[in-house]
Amino acid sequence: MNEVGTILSEVFKGCGFALLVFDFNTTSGHMNYLSNAHRGDMIRALQEFIDHSQCDGGRP
């Protein structure tokens, strides 16, 4: 995952990013998380994404 983070940092210079990786068809709730942002900043960005996603009916 660290190699992917290095590549994403180069591709998205000057931008924050998060990569969430999880297994389909499982009930374990396990997820790997990678970000170049501070935890608090990323949590705010993810919450904003969730809020907007819920407002538009969850359309992709």
C-alpha atoms as a PDB file:
ATOM      1  CA  MET A   1       0.000   0.000   0.000  1.00  0.00           C
ATOM      2  CA  ASN A   2       2.897   2.354   0.668  1.00  0.00           C
ATOM      3  CA  GLU A   3       4.024   2.068  -2.963  1.00  0.00           C
ATOM      4  CA  VAL A   4       0.530   3.007  -4.114  1.00  0.00           C
ATOM      5  CA  GLY A   5       0.587   5.978  -1.709  1.00  0.00           C
ATOM      6  CA  THR A   6       3.856   7.194  -3.190  1.00  0.00           C
ATOM      7  CA  ILE A   7       2.408   7.003  -6.702  1.00  0.00           C
ATOM      8  CA  LEU A   8      -0.809   8.781  -5.675  1.00  0.00           C
ATOM      9  CA  SER A   9       1.217  11.536  -3.994  1.00  0.00           C
ATOM     10  CA  GLU A  10       3.070  12.137  -7.252  1.00  0.00           C
ATOM     11  CA  VAL A  11      -0.063  12.021  -9.417  1.00  0.00           C
ATOM     12  CA  PHE A  12      -2.136  14.277  -7.134  1.00  0.00           C
ATOM     13  CA  LYS A  13       0.522  16.796  -6.053  1.00  0.00           C
ATOM     14  CA  GLY A  14      -1.001  19.503  -3.902  1.00  0.00           C
ATOM     15  CA  CYS A  15      -4.189  17.518  -3.226  1.00  0.00           C
ATOM     16  CA  GLY A  16      -5.284  15.345  -0.363  1.00  0.00           C
ATOM     17  CA  PHE A  17      -6.306  11.774  -1.055  1.00  0.00           C
ATOM     18  CA  ALA A  18      -7.570   8.666   0.681  1.00  0.00           C
ATOM     19  CA  LEU A  19      -7.610   5.104  -0.501  1.00  0.00           C
ATOM     20  CA  LEU A  20     -10.010   2.697   1.211  1.00  0.00           C
ATOM     21  CA  VAL A  21      -9.529  -1.011   0.451  1.00  0.00           C
ATOM     22  CA  PHE A  22     -11.979  -3.616   1.715  1.00  0.00           C
ATOM     23  CA  ASP A  23     -13.077  -7.146   0.886  1.00  0.00           C
ATOM     24  CA  PHE A  24     -16.399  -7.750  -0.825  1.00  0.00           C
ATOM     25  CA  ASN A  25     -18.630 -10.527   0.500  1.00  0.00           C
ATOM     26  CA  THR A  26     -17.417 -10.427   4.071  1.00  0.00           C
ATOM     27  CA  THR A  27     -18.936  -9.437   7.376  1.00  0.00           C
ATOM     28  CA  SER A  28     -15.621  -8.788   9.135  1.00  0.00           C
ATOM     29  CA  GLY A  29     -15.747  -5.042   8.563  1.00  0.00           C
ATOM     30  CA  HIS A  30     -11.987  -5.025   7.926  1.00  0.00           C
ATOM     31  CA  MET A  31     -10.709  -2.150   5.809  1.00  0.00           C
ATOM     32  CA  ASN A  32      -7.268  -0.774   5.012  1.00  0.00           C
ATOM     33  CA  TYR A  33      -6.884   3.000   4.811  1.00  0.00           C
ATOM     34  CA  LEU A  34      -4.170   5.129   3.234  1.00  0.00           C
ATOM     35  CA  SER A  35      -4.063   8.923   3.118  1.00  0.00           C
ATOM     36  CA  ASN A  36      -1.599  11.757   2.764  1.00  0.00           C
ATOM     37  CA  ALA A  37      -3.710  14.064   4.943  1.00  0.00           C
ATOM     38  CA  HIS A  38      -3.782  14.527   8.689  1.00  0.00           C
ATOM     39  CA  ARG A  39      -6.345  12.223  10.281  1.00  0.00           C
ATOM     40  CA  GLY A  40      -8.705  15.020  11.370  1.00  0.00           C
ATOM     41  CA  ASP A  41      -8.661  16.640   7.914  1.00  0.00           C
ATOM     42  CA  MET A  42      -9.378  13.335   6.223  1.00  0.00           C
ATOM     43  CA  ILE A  43     -12.213  12.497   8.600  1.00  0.00           C
ATOM     44  CA  ARG A  44     -13.828  15.877   7.805  1.00  0.00           C
ATOM     45  CA  ALA A  45     -13.442  15.254   4.057  1.00  0.00           C
ATOM     46  CA  LEU A  46     -14.896  11.751   4.367  1.00  0.00           C
ATOM     47  CA  GLN A  47     -17.825  13.059   6.431  1.00  0.00           C
ATOM     48  CA  GLU A  48     -18.511  15.706   3.789  1.00  0.00           C
ATOM     49  CA  PHE A  49     -18.477  12.974   1.133  1.00  0.00           C
ATOM     50  CA  ILE A  50     -20.898  10.850   3.171  1.00  0.00           C
ATOM     51  CA  ASP A  51     -23.218  13.805   3.770  1.00  0.00           C
ATOM     52  CA  HIS A  52     -23.331  14.693   0.071  1.00  0.00           C
ATOM     53  CA  SER A  53     -23.753  11.043  -0.941  1.00  0.00           C
ATOM     54  CA  GLN A  54     -26.746  10.647   1.353  1.00  0.00           C
ATOM     55  CA  CYS A  55     -28.343  13.849   0.003  1.00  0.00           C
ATOM     56  CA  ASP A  56     -28.296  12.640  -3.617  1.00  0.00           C
ATOM     57  CA  GLY A  57     -29.877   9.285  -2.843  1.00  0.00           C
ATOM     58  CA  GLY A  58     -26.581   7.404  -2.836  1.00  0.00           C
ATOM     59  CA  ARG A  59     -26.113   7.564  -6.594  1.00  0.00           C
ATOM     60  CA  PRO A  60     -22.557   6.658  -7.677  1.00  0.00           C
END
